Amino acid sequence: MKKRLELIKRNTVEIVTEIDLKKLLEKKKKPVVYCGYEPSGPLHLGHFVTIIKLMDFVKAGFKVKVLLADVHAFLNRKGKEEDIEKEVNAWKKTIKAIGLDAEIVLGSSFQFRKDYVLDVIKLAQDSTINRGLRSMQEIARDIKHATISQLWYPLMQVVDIKHLGVDVALGGIEQRKVHMIGKDMSKVIDYDFVALHTPLITSLRGSGQKMSSSIPGTMISVTDSKEEIKKILKNAYCPIKVVKQNPILEITELIIFPRVDKFIIKRDKKFGGNLVLSNYKKLEELFKKGKLHPLDLKNAVIEYLEEIIAPIRKNFR
């Protein structure tokens, strides 16, 4: 069980609670974990953090469910129904190309059932408008003008967990407030779960904000060409010796290292020659001491990202 737990805990911010997770691993041979995604625009590097974590769960013996939240996307004003349907099909192809062993579930396949809607209503009766607004602060684009449909959104997320039969709900740390509604109101819908949260990748502009598809130049998507990836990363925030909120280091730690046994940075002999690293901590240590130039790091990251993205990109040609 120790190895399973280490895999699950790798690159996480928090687990609510780790004790409950251990009990789950002892009790259930093949627990269920899920993560939900709004199918609005191509999958980008920010999504890869949870995708990679789901791969860890597969290795740890979990059944993985991916929710393509088409109804949530509609509630969150991410497009017309026909537009969202096109995105759903693209996301299905993307997940298959990534190689994630998961059951893909469409939100609209179960979210209009009477028992599901009744559970959402029960939560709505016990939830204040203020709490609903707080839970949507990291999800809605314009919280000052949030609509009632967007307040319905987090309640549905909680009920999704129950109706998908989930043991562990996975999400970025921005999902914490939503998951806590579910934890605090577990008795209302008679269902409890373990919540696990991953870090967020900082905007490539270095603003301290999370990577977002709504702001050009702050992220890399699976449809970007190698030339586009190179251009974006060459201009990305990566000041020498700075490790905090450094998106290039975050990409290396959260996306590349979990997929490779060794990370190779090619350098000219006059700059110290090639570096071969087997763990992220050593890389961070070298960068912090100024023994690794940002450009050398960026060049390596470009090559590794291209290896990851190239097989996925061809599905969009």
C-alpha atoms as a PDB file:
ATOM      1  CA  MET A   1       0.000   0.000   0.000  1.00  0.00           C
ATOM      2  CA  LYS A   2       2.957   2.310   0.609  1.00  0.00           C
ATOM      3  CA  LYS A   3       3.849   2.520  -3.095  1.00  0.00           C
ATOM      4  CA  ARG A   4       0.225   3.166  -4.051  1.00  0.00           C
ATOM      5  CA  LEU A   5       0.006   5.974  -1.522  1.00  0.00           C
ATOM      6  CA  GLU A   6       3.264   7.544  -2.707  1.00  0.00           C
ATOM      7  CA  LEU A   7       2.020   7.557  -6.298  1.00  0.00           C
ATOM      8  CA  ILE A   8      -1.266   9.182  -5.301  1.00  0.00           C
ATOM      9  CA  LYS A   9       0.372  11.815  -3.079  1.00  0.00           C
ATOM     10  CA  ARG A  10       2.992  12.824  -5.657  1.00  0.00           C
ATOM     11  CA  ASN A  11       2.601  16.455  -6.781  1.00  0.00           C
ATOM     12  CA  THR A  12      -0.500  17.159  -4.696  1.00  0.00           C
ATOM     13  CA  VAL A  13      -1.347  20.204  -2.582  1.00  0.00           C
ATOM     14  CA  GLU A  14      -3.683  18.471  -0.143  1.00  0.00           C
ATOM     15  CA  ILE A  15      -5.793  15.388   0.484  1.00  0.00           C
ATOM     16  CA  VAL A  16      -9.002  15.691   2.481  1.00  0.00           C
ATOM     17  CA  THR A  17      -8.261  13.530   4.298  1.00  0.00           C
ATOM     18  CA  GLU A  18      -5.175  11.336   4.021  1.00  0.00           C
ATOM     19  CA  ILE A  19      -6.508   9.116   6.815  1.00  0.00           C
ATOM     20  CA  ASP A  20      -9.693   8.498   4.809  1.00  0.00           C
ATOM     21  CA  LEU A  21      -7.598   7.753   1.718  1.00  0.00           C
ATOM     22  CA  LYS A  22      -5.594   5.124   3.617  1.00  0.00           C
ATOM     23  CA  LYS A  23      -8.809   3.533   4.882  1.00  0.00           C
ATOM     24  CA  LEU A  24     -10.141   3.475   1.326  1.00  0.00           C
ATOM     25  CA  LEU A  25      -7.026   1.724   0.020  1.00  0.00           C
ATOM     26  CA  GLU A  26      -7.292  -0.881   2.776  1.00  0.00           C
ATOM     27  CA  LYS A  27     -11.008  -1.430   2.223  1.00  0.00           C
ATOM     28  CA  LYS A  28     -11.397  -1.360  -1.566  1.00  0.00           C
ATOM     29  CA  LYS A  29      -9.366  -3.283  -4.119  1.00  0.00           C
ATOM     30  CA  LYS A  30     -10.241  -1.005  -7.067  1.00  0.00           C
ATOM     31  CA  PRO A  31     -11.617   2.365  -5.914  1.00  0.00           C
ATOM     32  CA  VAL A  32     -12.980   4.947  -8.343  1.00  0.00           C
ATOM     33  CA  VAL A  33     -11.446   8.372  -8.987  1.00  0.00           C
ATOM     34  CA  TYR A  34     -12.834  11.048 -11.263  1.00  0.00           C
ATOM     35  CA  CYS A  35     -11.962  14.431 -12.667  1.00  0.00           C
ATOM     36  CA  GLY A  36     -14.336  16.664 -14.615  1.00  0.00           C
ATOM     37  CA  TYR A  37     -13.469  18.965 -17.504  1.00  0.00           C
ATOM     38  CA  GLU A  38     -15.462  21.636 -19.293  1.00  0.00           C
ATOM     39  CA  PRO A  39     -15.175  20.826 -23.001  1.00  0.00           C
ATOM     40  CA  SER A  40     -14.613  24.416 -24.095  1.00  0.00           C
ATOM     41  CA  GLY A  41     -11.555  24.932 -26.241  1.00  0.00           C
ATOM     42  CA  PRO A  42      -8.602  22.559 -26.720  1.00  0.00           C
ATOM     43  CA  LEU A  43      -6.999  20.819 -23.769  1.00  0.00           C
ATOM     44  CA  HIS A  44      -3.968  22.812 -22.569  1.00  0.00           C
ATOM     45  CA  LEU A  45      -0.992  22.338 -20.252  1.00  0.00           C
ATOM     46  CA  GLY A  46      -3.011  23.408 -17.226  1.00  0.00           C
ATOM     47  CA  HIS A  47      -5.260  20.372 -17.767  1.00  0.00           C
ATOM     48  CA  PHE A  48      -2.256  18.068 -18.032  1.00  0.00           C
ATOM     49  CA  VAL A  49      -1.552  18.332 -14.300  1.00  0.00           C
ATOM     50  CA  THR A  50      -4.743  16.448 -13.406  1.00  0.00           C
ATOM     51  CA  ILE A  51      -4.462  14.191 -16.480  1.00  0.00           C
ATOM     52  CA  ILE A  52      -0.997  13.069 -15.301  1.00  0.00           C
ATOM     53  CA  LYS A  53      -2.341  12.593 -11.790  1.00  0.00           C
ATOM     54  CA  LEU A  54      -5.125  10.386 -13.170  1.00  0.00           C
ATOM     55  CA  MET A  55      -2.390   8.293 -14.797  1.00  0.00           C
ATOM     56  CA  ASP A  56      -0.831   7.932 -11.346  1.00  0.00           C
ATOM     57  CA  PHE A  57      -4.185   6.685 -10.073  1.00  0.00           C
ATOM     58  CA  VAL A  58      -4.324   4.085 -12.858  1.00  0.00           C
ATOM     59  CA  LYS A  59      -0.897   2.819 -11.756  1.00  0.00           C
ATOM     60  CA  ALA A  60      -2.177   2.767  -8.172  1.00  0.00           C
ATOM     61  CA  GLY A  61      -4.987   0.384  -9.161  1.00  0.00           C
ATOM     62  CA  PHE A  62      -7.898   2.813  -9.431  1.00  0.00           C
ATOM     63  CA  LYS A  63     -10.697   2.851 -11.980  1.00  0.00           C
ATOM     64  CA  VAL A  64     -10.654   6.287 -13.619  1.00  0.00           C
ATOM     65  CA  LYS A  65     -13.694   8.189 -14.816  1.00  0.00           C
ATOM     66  CA  VAL A  66     -13.392  11.386 -16.838  1.00  0.00           C
ATOM     67  CA  LEU A  67     -16.471  13.577 -16.863  1.00  0.00           C
ATOM     68  CA  LEU A  68     -16.863  15.733 -19.957  1.00  0.00           C
ATOM     69  CA  ALA A  69     -19.117  18.331 -18.388  1.00  0.00           C
ATOM     70  CA  ASP A  70     -21.135  19.543 -21.353  1.00  0.00           C
ATOM     71  CA  VAL A  71     -24.034  20.769 -19.223  1.00  0.00           C
ATOM     72  CA  HIS A  72     -21.634  22.613 -16.912  1.00  0.00           C
ATOM     73  CA  ALA A  73     -20.050  24.301 -19.933  1.00  0.00           C
ATOM     74  CA  PHE A  74     -23.498  25.432 -21.070  1.00  0.00           C
ATOM     75  CA  LEU A  75     -24.357  26.740 -17.578  1.00  0.00           C
ATOM     76  CA  ASN A  76     -21.026  28.582 -17.476  1.00  0.00           C
ATOM     77  CA  ARG A  77     -21.790  30.307 -20.799  1.00  0.00           C
ATOM     78  CA  LYS A  78     -19.005  28.576 -22.709  1.00  0.00           C
ATOM     79  CA  GLY A  79     -20.935  28.294 -25.974  1.00  0.00           C
ATOM     80  CA  LYS A  80     -24.091  27.054 -27.676  1.00  0.00           C
ATOM     81  CA  GLU A  81     -25.056  23.388 -27.430  1.00  0.00           C
ATOM     82  CA  GLU A  82     -23.809  22.569 -30.937  1.00  0.00           C
ATOM     83  CA  ASP A  83     -20.459  24.258 -30.233  1.00  0.00           C
ATOM     84  CA  ILE A  84     -20.023  22.313 -27.000  1.00  0.00           C
ATOM     85  CA  GLU A  85     -20.885  19.070 -28.782  1.00  0.00           C
ATOM     86  CA  LYS A  86     -18.013  19.654 -31.242  1.00  0.00           C
ATOM     87  CA  GLU A  87     -15.671  20.276 -28.315  1.00  0.00           C
ATOM     88  CA  VAL A  88     -16.811  17.042 -26.643  1.00  0.00           C
ATOM     89  CA  ASN A  89     -15.836  15.036 -29.731  1.00  0.00           C
ATOM     90  CA  ALA A  90     -12.433  16.759 -29.865  1.00  0.00           C
ATOM     91  CA  TRP A  91     -11.821  16.052 -26.169  1.00  0.00           C
ATOM     92  CA  LYS A  92     -12.667  12.368 -26.622  1.00  0.00           C
ATOM     93  CA  LYS A  93     -10.032  12.123 -29.354  1.00  0.00           C
ATOM     94  CA  THR A  94      -7.526  14.011 -27.205  1.00  0.00           C
ATOM     95  CA  ILE A  95      -7.944  11.762 -24.170  1.00  0.00           C
ATOM     96  CA  LYS A  96      -7.575   8.683 -26.365  1.00  0.00           C
ATOM     97  CA  ALA A  97      -4.413  10.122 -27.961  1.00  0.00           C
ATOM     98  CA  ILE A  98      -2.907  10.866 -24.537  1.00  0.00           C
ATOM     99  CA  GLY A  99      -3.267   7.197 -23.645  1.00  0.00           C
ATOM    100  CA  LEU A 100      -5.219   7.655 -20.411  1.00  0.00           C
ATOM    101  CA  ASP A 101      -7.051   4.462 -19.447  1.00  0.00           C
ATOM    102  CA  ALA A 102     -10.386   5.953 -18.433  1.00  0.00           C
ATOM    103  CA  GLU A 103     -14.132   5.634 -18.805  1.00  0.00           C
ATOM    104  CA  ILE A 104     -15.380   8.829 -20.438  1.00  0.00           C
ATOM    105  CA  VAL A 105     -18.791   9.960 -19.213  1.00  0.00           C
ATOM    106  CA  LEU A 106     -20.843  12.769 -20.715  1.00  0.00           C
ATOM    107  CA  GLY A 107     -22.592  14.954 -18.138  1.00  0.00           C
ATOM    108  CA  SER A 108     -25.818  15.124 -20.117  1.00  0.00           C
ATOM    109  CA  SER A 109     -26.053  11.309 -20.025  1.00  0.00           C
ATOM    110  CA  PHE A 110     -27.202  11.372 -16.384  1.00  0.00           C
ATOM    111  CA  GLN A 111     -27.628  14.955 -15.137  1.00  0.00           C
ATOM    112  CA  PHE A 112     -31.292  15.279 -16.161  1.00  0.00           C
ATOM    113  CA  ARG A 113     -32.490  12.257 -14.225  1.00  0.00           C
ATOM    114  CA  LYS A 114     -35.055  12.952 -11.519  1.00  0.00           C
ATOM    115  CA  ASP A 115     -32.951  11.508  -8.667  1.00  0.00           C
ATOM    116  CA  TYR A 116     -29.968  13.635  -9.732  1.00  0.00           C
ATOM    117  CA  VAL A 117     -32.001  16.858  -9.914  1.00  0.00           C
ATOM    118  CA  LEU A 118     -33.559  16.139  -6.512  1.00  0.00           C
ATOM    119  CA  ASP A 119     -30.082  15.880  -4.969  1.00  0.00           C
ATOM    120  CA  VAL A 120     -29.110  19.225  -6.502  1.00  0.00           C
ATOM    121  CA  ILE A 121     -32.290  20.769  -5.076  1.00  0.00           C
ATOM    122  CA  LYS A 122     -31.494  19.374  -1.612  1.00  0.00           C
ATOM    123  CA  LEU A 123     -28.064  21.022  -1.717  1.00  0.00           C
ATOM    124  CA  ALA A 124     -29.579  24.267  -3.005  1.00  0.00           C
ATOM    125  CA  GLN A 125     -31.937  24.353  -0.027  1.00  0.00           C
ATOM    126  CA  ASP A 126     -29.012  24.149   2.403  1.00  0.00           C
ATOM    127  CA  SER A 127     -26.542  26.411   0.541  1.00  0.00           C
ATOM    128  CA  THR A 128     -26.353  30.182   0.866  1.00  0.00           C
ATOM    129  CA  ILE A 129     -25.937  32.405  -2.185  1.00  0.00           C
ATOM    130  CA  ASN A 130     -22.726  33.782  -0.668  1.00  0.00           C
ATOM    131  CA  ARG A 131     -21.187  30.328  -0.416  1.00  0.00           C
ATOM    132  CA  GLY A 132     -22.199  29.592  -3.984  1.00  0.00           C
ATOM    133  CA  LEU A 133     -20.486  32.786  -5.137  1.00  0.00           C
ATOM    134  CA  ARG A 134     -17.323  31.991  -3.174  1.00  0.00           C
ATOM    135  CA  SER A 135     -17.124  28.515  -4.694  1.00  0.00           C
ATOM    136  CA  MET A 136     -17.338  29.979  -8.207  1.00  0.00           C
ATOM    137  CA  GLN A 137     -14.663  32.664  -7.774  1.00  0.00           C
ATOM    138  CA  GLU A 138     -11.965  30.571  -9.450  1.00  0.00           C
ATOM    139  CA  ILE A 139     -14.281  29.063 -12.065  1.00  0.00           C
ATOM    140  CA  ALA A 140     -16.485  31.830 -13.489  1.00  0.00           C
ATOM    141  CA  ARG A 141     -14.805  34.333 -15.795  1.00  0.00           C
ATOM    142  CA  ASP A 142     -16.741  37.328 -14.496  1.00  0.00           C
ATOM    143  CA  ILE A 143     -17.798  36.737 -10.902  1.00  0.00           C
ATOM    144  CA  LYS A 144     -19.215  40.268 -10.538  1.00  0.00           C
ATOM    145  CA  HIS A 145     -21.817  39.433 -13.160  1.00  0.00           C
ATOM    146  CA  ALA A 146     -22.320  35.771 -12.270  1.00  0.00           C
ATOM    147  CA  THR A 147     -25.679  34.353 -13.318  1.00  0.00           C
ATOM    148  CA  ILE A 148     -27.959  32.036 -11.345  1.00  0.00           C
ATOM    149  CA  SER A 149     -26.967  29.244 -13.759  1.00  0.00           C
ATOM    150  CA  GLN A 150     -23.372  29.604 -12.563  1.00  0.00           C
ATOM    151  CA  LEU A 151     -24.484  29.253  -8.935  1.00  0.00           C
ATOM    152  CA  TRP A 152     -26.147  25.971  -9.917  1.00  0.00           C
ATOM    153  CA  TYR A 153     -22.810  24.785 -11.306  1.00  0.00           C
ATOM    154  CA  PRO A 154     -20.919  23.926  -8.059  1.00  0.00           C
ATOM    155  CA  LEU A 155     -23.930  22.093  -6.630  1.00  0.00           C
ATOM    156  CA  MET A 156     -24.016  19.903  -9.722  1.00  0.00           C
ATOM    157  CA  GLN A 157     -20.297  19.203  -9.308  1.00  0.00           C
ATOM    158  CA  VAL A 158     -20.954  17.831  -5.846  1.00  0.00           C
ATOM    159  CA  VAL A 159     -23.866  15.696  -7.015  1.00  0.00           C
ATOM    160  CA  ASP A 160     -21.758  14.405  -9.930  1.00  0.00           C
ATOM    161  CA  ILE A 161     -19.481  12.755  -7.374  1.00  0.00           C
ATOM    162  CA  LYS A 162     -22.362  10.790  -5.894  1.00  0.00           C
ATOM    163  CA  HIS A 163     -24.002   9.753  -9.163  1.00  0.00           C
ATOM    164  CA  LEU A 164     -20.716   8.677 -10.734  1.00  0.00           C
ATOM    165  CA  GLY A 165     -20.075   6.454  -7.712  1.00  0.00           C
ATOM    166  CA  VAL A 166     -16.781   8.176  -6.970  1.00  0.00           C
ATOM    167  CA  ASP A 167     -14.474   7.425  -4.030  1.00  0.00           C
ATOM    168  CA  VAL A 168     -11.945  10.178  -4.813  1.00  0.00           C
ATOM    169  CA  ALA A 169     -12.708  13.537  -6.455  1.00  0.00           C
ATOM    170  CA  LEU A 170      -9.652  15.017  -8.153  1.00  0.00           C
ATOM    171  CA  GLY A 171      -9.257  18.654  -9.135  1.00  0.00           C
ATOM    172  CA  GLY A 172      -6.901  21.591  -9.162  1.00  0.00           C
ATOM    173  CA  ILE A 173      -6.702  23.557  -5.925  1.00  0.00           C
ATOM    174  CA  GLU A 174      -9.205  26.048  -7.410  1.00  0.00           C
ATOM    175  CA  GLN A 175     -11.836  23.307  -6.943  1.00  0.00           C
ATOM    176  CA  ARG A 176     -11.340  23.178  -3.187  1.00  0.00           C
ATOM    177  CA  LYS A 177     -14.313  25.367  -2.247  1.00  0.00           C
ATOM    178  CA  VAL A 178     -16.618  23.275  -4.408  1.00  0.00           C
ATOM    179  CA  HIS A 179     -15.383  20.017  -2.906  1.00  0.00           C
ATOM    180  CA  MET A 180     -15.764  21.414   0.608  1.00  0.00           C
ATOM    181  CA  ILE A 181     -19.456  22.034  -0.065  1.00  0.00           C
ATOM    182  CA  GLY A 182     -19.708  18.311  -0.749  1.00  0.00           C
ATOM    183  CA  LYS A 183     -17.687  17.379   2.339  1.00  0.00           C
ATOM    184  CA  ASP A 184     -19.629  19.714   4.639  1.00  0.00           C
ATOM    185  CA  MET A 185     -22.999  18.605   3.249  1.00  0.00           C
ATOM    186  CA  SER A 186     -22.317  14.901   2.871  1.00  0.00           C
ATOM    187  CA  LYS A 187     -25.282  14.097   5.110  1.00  0.00           C
ATOM    188  CA  VAL A 188     -27.648  16.167   2.952  1.00  0.00           C
ATOM    189  CA  ILE A 189     -27.206  13.855  -0.059  1.00  0.00           C
ATOM    190  CA  ASP A 190     -25.994  10.857   1.959  1.00  0.00           C
ATOM    191  CA  TYR A 191     -22.607  10.561   0.246  1.00  0.00           C
ATOM    192  CA  ASP A 192     -19.005  11.192   1.230  1.00  0.00           C
ATOM    193  CA  PHE A 193     -15.699  11.045  -0.645  1.00  0.00           C
ATOM    194  CA  VAL A 194     -12.000  11.899  -0.490  1.00  0.00           C
ATOM    195  CA  ALA A 195     -10.994  15.196  -2.141  1.00  0.00           C
ATOM    196  CA  LEU A 196      -7.532  15.472  -3.686  1.00  0.00           C
ATOM    197  CA  HIS A 197      -6.124  18.715  -5.063  1.00  0.00           C
ATOM    198  CA  THR A 198      -3.199  19.384  -7.381  1.00  0.00           C
ATOM    199  CA  PRO A 199      -1.213  22.608  -7.873  1.00  0.00           C
ATOM    200  CA  LEU A 200      -1.975  25.031 -10.692  1.00  0.00           C
ATOM    201  CA  ILE A 201       0.536  25.996 -13.359  1.00  0.00           C
ATOM    202  CA  THR A 202       1.244  29.703 -13.333  1.00  0.00           C
ATOM    203  CA  SER A 203       0.540  31.834 -16.403  1.00  0.00           C
ATOM    204  CA  LEU A 204       3.467  31.774 -18.826  1.00  0.00           C
ATOM    205  CA  ARG A 205       3.487  35.548 -18.578  1.00  0.00           C
ATOM    206  CA  GLY A 206       4.460  35.259 -14.927  1.00  0.00           C
ATOM    207  CA  SER A 207       1.552  37.276 -13.565  1.00  0.00           C
ATOM    208  CA  GLY A 208       1.061  34.887 -10.669  1.00  0.00           C
ATOM    209  CA  GLN A 209      -2.348  33.957 -12.084  1.00  0.00           C
ATOM    210  CA  LYS A 210      -3.158  30.448 -13.272  1.00  0.00           C
ATOM    211  CA  MET A 211      -2.698  29.323 -16.855  1.00  0.00           C
ATOM    212  CA  SER A 212      -5.902  30.084 -18.778  1.00  0.00           C
ATOM    213  CA  SER A 213      -7.144  29.453 -22.302  1.00  0.00           C
ATOM    214  CA  SER A 214      -9.064  32.742 -22.186  1.00  0.00           C
ATOM    215  CA  ILE A 215      -5.842  34.815 -22.142  1.00  0.00           C
ATOM    216  CA  PRO A 216      -3.639  34.425 -25.283  1.00  0.00           C
ATOM    217  CA  GLY A 217       0.050  33.818 -24.705  1.00  0.00           C
ATOM    218  CA  THR A 218      -0.403  32.488 -21.176  1.00  0.00           C
ATOM    219  CA  MET A 219      -0.691  28.815 -22.072  1.00  0.00           C
ATOM    220  CA  ILE A 220       0.101  26.086 -24.597  1.00  0.00           C
ATOM    221  CA  SER A 221      -2.654  23.927 -26.083  1.00  0.00           C
ATOM    222  CA  VAL A 222      -2.514  20.498 -27.740  1.00  0.00           C
ATOM    223  CA  THR A 223      -3.250  22.119 -31.109  1.00  0.00           C
ATOM    224  CA  ASP A 224      -0.149  24.371 -31.034  1.00  0.00           C
ATOM    225  CA  SER A 225       2.624  23.581 -33.508  1.00  0.00           C
ATOM    226  CA  LYS A 226       6.217  23.059 -32.403  1.00  0.00           C
ATOM    227  CA  GLU A 227       7.028  26.512 -33.771  1.00  0.00           C
ATOM    228  CA  GLU A 228       4.233  28.037 -31.677  1.00  0.00           C
ATOM    229  CA  ILE A 229       5.361  26.149 -28.573  1.00  0.00           C
ATOM    230  CA  LYS A 230       8.913  27.363 -29.126  1.00  0.00           C
ATOM    231  CA  LYS A 231       7.834  30.980 -29.619  1.00  0.00           C
ATOM    232  CA  ILE A 232       5.611  31.001 -26.519  1.00  0.00           C
ATOM    233  CA  LEU A 233       8.182  29.321 -24.261  1.00  0.00           C
ATOM    234  CA  LYS A 234      11.077  31.483 -25.454  1.00  0.00           C
ATOM    235  CA  ASN A 235       9.098  34.508 -24.223  1.00  0.00           C
ATOM    236  CA  ALA A 236       7.830  32.828 -21.049  1.00  0.00           C
ATOM    237  CA  TYR A 237       8.591  34.097 -17.564  1.00  0.00           C
ATOM    238  CA  CYS A 238      11.644  32.238 -16.214  1.00  0.00           C
ATOM    239  CA  PRO A 239      14.009  34.624 -14.393  1.00  0.00           C
ATOM    240  CA  ILE A 240      17.402  33.230 -13.476  1.00  0.00           C
ATOM    241  CA  LYS A 241      17.606  31.661  -9.972  1.00  0.00           C
ATOM    242  CA  VAL A 242      13.862  32.283  -9.323  1.00  0.00           C
ATOM    243  CA  VAL A 243      11.960  29.078  -8.489  1.00  0.00           C
ATOM    244  CA  LYS A 244       8.744  30.443  -6.968  1.00  0.00           C
ATOM    245  CA  GLN A 245       5.851  30.826  -9.430  1.00  0.00           C
ATOM    246  CA  ASN A 246       8.150  29.923 -12.292  1.00  0.00           C
ATOM    247  CA  PRO A 247       5.898  28.285 -14.925  1.00  0.00           C
ATOM    248  CA  ILE A 248       8.782  26.584 -16.772  1.00  0.00           C
ATOM    249  CA  LEU A 249       9.886  24.822 -13.600  1.00  0.00           C
ATOM    250  CA  GLU A 250       6.266  23.968 -12.788  1.00  0.00           C
ATOM    251  CA  ILE A 251       5.790  22.368 -16.216  1.00  0.00           C
ATOM    252  CA  THR A 252       8.980  20.377 -15.665  1.00  0.00           C
ATOM    253  CA  GLU A 253       7.925  19.158 -12.233  1.00  0.00           C
ATOM    254  CA  LEU A 254       4.229  18.504 -12.814  1.00  0.00           C
ATOM    255  CA  ILE A 255       4.071  17.367 -16.440  1.00  0.00           C
ATOM    256  CA  ILE A 256       7.463  16.162 -17.678  1.00  0.00           C
ATOM    257  CA  PHE A 257       9.153  14.425 -14.728  1.00  0.00           C
ATOM    258  CA  PRO A 258       6.149  12.146 -13.956  1.00  0.00           C
ATOM    259  CA  ARG A 259       6.400  10.829 -17.537  1.00  0.00           C
ATOM    260  CA  VAL A 260      10.163  10.267 -17.853  1.00  0.00           C
ATOM    261  CA  ASP A 261      12.863   8.308 -16.002  1.00  0.00           C
ATOM    262  CA  LYS A 262      15.497  10.908 -16.774  1.00  0.00           C
ATOM    263  CA  PHE A 263      15.418  14.520 -17.911  1.00  0.00           C
ATOM    264  CA  ILE A 264      18.184  15.472 -20.339  1.00  0.00           C
ATOM    265  CA  ILE A 265      19.252  19.070 -20.879  1.00  0.00           C
ATOM    266  CA  LYS A 266      21.541  19.440 -23.880  1.00  0.00           C
ATOM    267  CA  ARG A 267      24.276  22.054 -23.531  1.00  0.00           C
ATOM    268  CA  ASP A 268      27.486  22.957 -25.292  1.00  0.00           C
ATOM    269  CA  LYS A 269      30.640  21.693 -23.545  1.00  0.00           C
ATOM    270  CA  LYS A 270      31.775  25.258 -22.874  1.00  0.00           C
ATOM    271  CA  PHE A 271      28.614  25.707 -20.762  1.00  0.00           C
ATOM    272  CA  GLY A 272      29.169  22.516 -18.776  1.00  0.00           C
ATOM    273  CA  GLY A 273      27.932  19.878 -21.214  1.00  0.00           C
ATOM    274  CA  ASN A 274      24.734  17.862 -21.051  1.00  0.00           C
ATOM    275  CA  LEU A 275      22.830  17.415 -17.790  1.00  0.00           C
ATOM    276  CA  VAL A 276      21.048  14.152 -17.005  1.00  0.00           C
ATOM    277  CA  LEU A 277      18.667  14.418 -14.047  1.00  0.00           C
ATOM    278  CA  SER A 278      16.518  11.716 -12.466  1.00  0.00           C
ATOM    279  CA  ASN A 279      14.476  13.918 -10.117  1.00  0.00           C
ATOM    280  CA  TYR A 280      13.010  17.385 -10.036  1.00  0.00           C
ATOM    281  CA  LYS A 281      14.577  18.469  -6.736  1.00  0.00           C
ATOM    282  CA  LYS A 282      18.061  18.270  -8.226  1.00  0.00           C
ATOM    283  CA  LEU A 283      16.949  20.366 -11.206  1.00  0.00           C
ATOM    284  CA  GLU A 284      15.459  23.024  -8.943  1.00  0.00           C
ATOM    285  CA  GLU A 285      18.609  23.099  -6.827  1.00  0.00           C
ATOM    286  CA  LEU A 286      20.828  23.690  -9.880  1.00  0.00           C
ATOM    287  CA  PHE A 287      18.525  26.406 -11.207  1.00  0.00           C
ATOM    288  CA  LYS A 288      18.308  28.173  -7.848  1.00  0.00           C
ATOM    289  CA  LYS A 289      22.125  28.280  -7.611  1.00  0.00           C
ATOM    290  CA  GLY A 290      22.397  29.728 -11.119  1.00  0.00           C
ATOM    291  CA  LYS A 291      24.099  26.600 -12.471  1.00  0.00           C
ATOM    292  CA  LEU A 292      21.382  26.144 -15.110  1.00  0.00           C
ATOM    293  CA  HIS A 293      20.537  28.942 -17.539  1.00  0.00           C
ATOM    294  CA  PRO A 294      16.815  29.596 -18.238  1.00  0.00           C
ATOM    295  CA  LEU A 295      17.349  29.285 -21.991  1.00  0.00           C
ATOM    296  CA  ASP A 296      18.903  25.822 -21.654  1.00  0.00           C
ATOM    297  CA  LEU A 297      15.981  24.746 -19.484  1.00  0.00           C
ATOM    298  CA  LYS A 298      13.447  26.202 -21.927  1.00  0.00           C
ATOM    299  CA  ASN A 299      15.072  24.421 -24.879  1.00  0.00           C
ATOM    300  CA  ALA A 300      14.804  21.082 -23.080  1.00  0.00           C
ATOM    301  CA  VAL A 301      11.179  21.713 -22.074  1.00  0.00           C
ATOM    302  CA  ILE A 302      10.292  22.569 -25.688  1.00  0.00           C
ATOM    303  CA  GLU A 303      11.588  19.193 -26.870  1.00  0.00           C
ATOM    304  CA  TYR A 304       9.839  17.194 -24.167  1.00  0.00           C
ATOM    305  CA  LEU A 305       6.535  19.009 -24.657  1.00  0.00           C
ATOM    306  CA  GLU A 306       6.743  18.374 -28.383  1.00  0.00           C
ATOM    307  CA  GLU A 307       7.108  14.633 -27.661  1.00  0.00           C
ATOM    308  CA  ILE A 308       3.953  14.775 -25.536  1.00  0.00           C
ATOM    309  CA  ILE A 309       1.870  17.015 -27.790  1.00  0.00           C
ATOM    310  CA  ALA A 310       2.837  15.800 -31.304  1.00  0.00           C
ATOM    311  CA  PRO A 311       0.802  12.527 -31.166  1.00  0.00           C
ATOM    312  CA  ILE A 312      -2.208  14.486 -29.891  1.00  0.00           C
ATOM    313  CA  ARG A 313      -1.929  17.358 -32.369  1.00  0.00           C
ATOM    314  CA  LYS A 314      -2.320  15.098 -35.404  1.00  0.00           C
ATOM    315  CA  ASN A 315      -5.945  14.419 -34.374  1.00  0.00           C
ATOM    316  CA  PHE A 316      -6.788  18.033 -35.144  1.00  0.00           C
ATOM    317  CA  ARG A 317      -5.421  18.145 -38.712  1.00  0.00           C
END
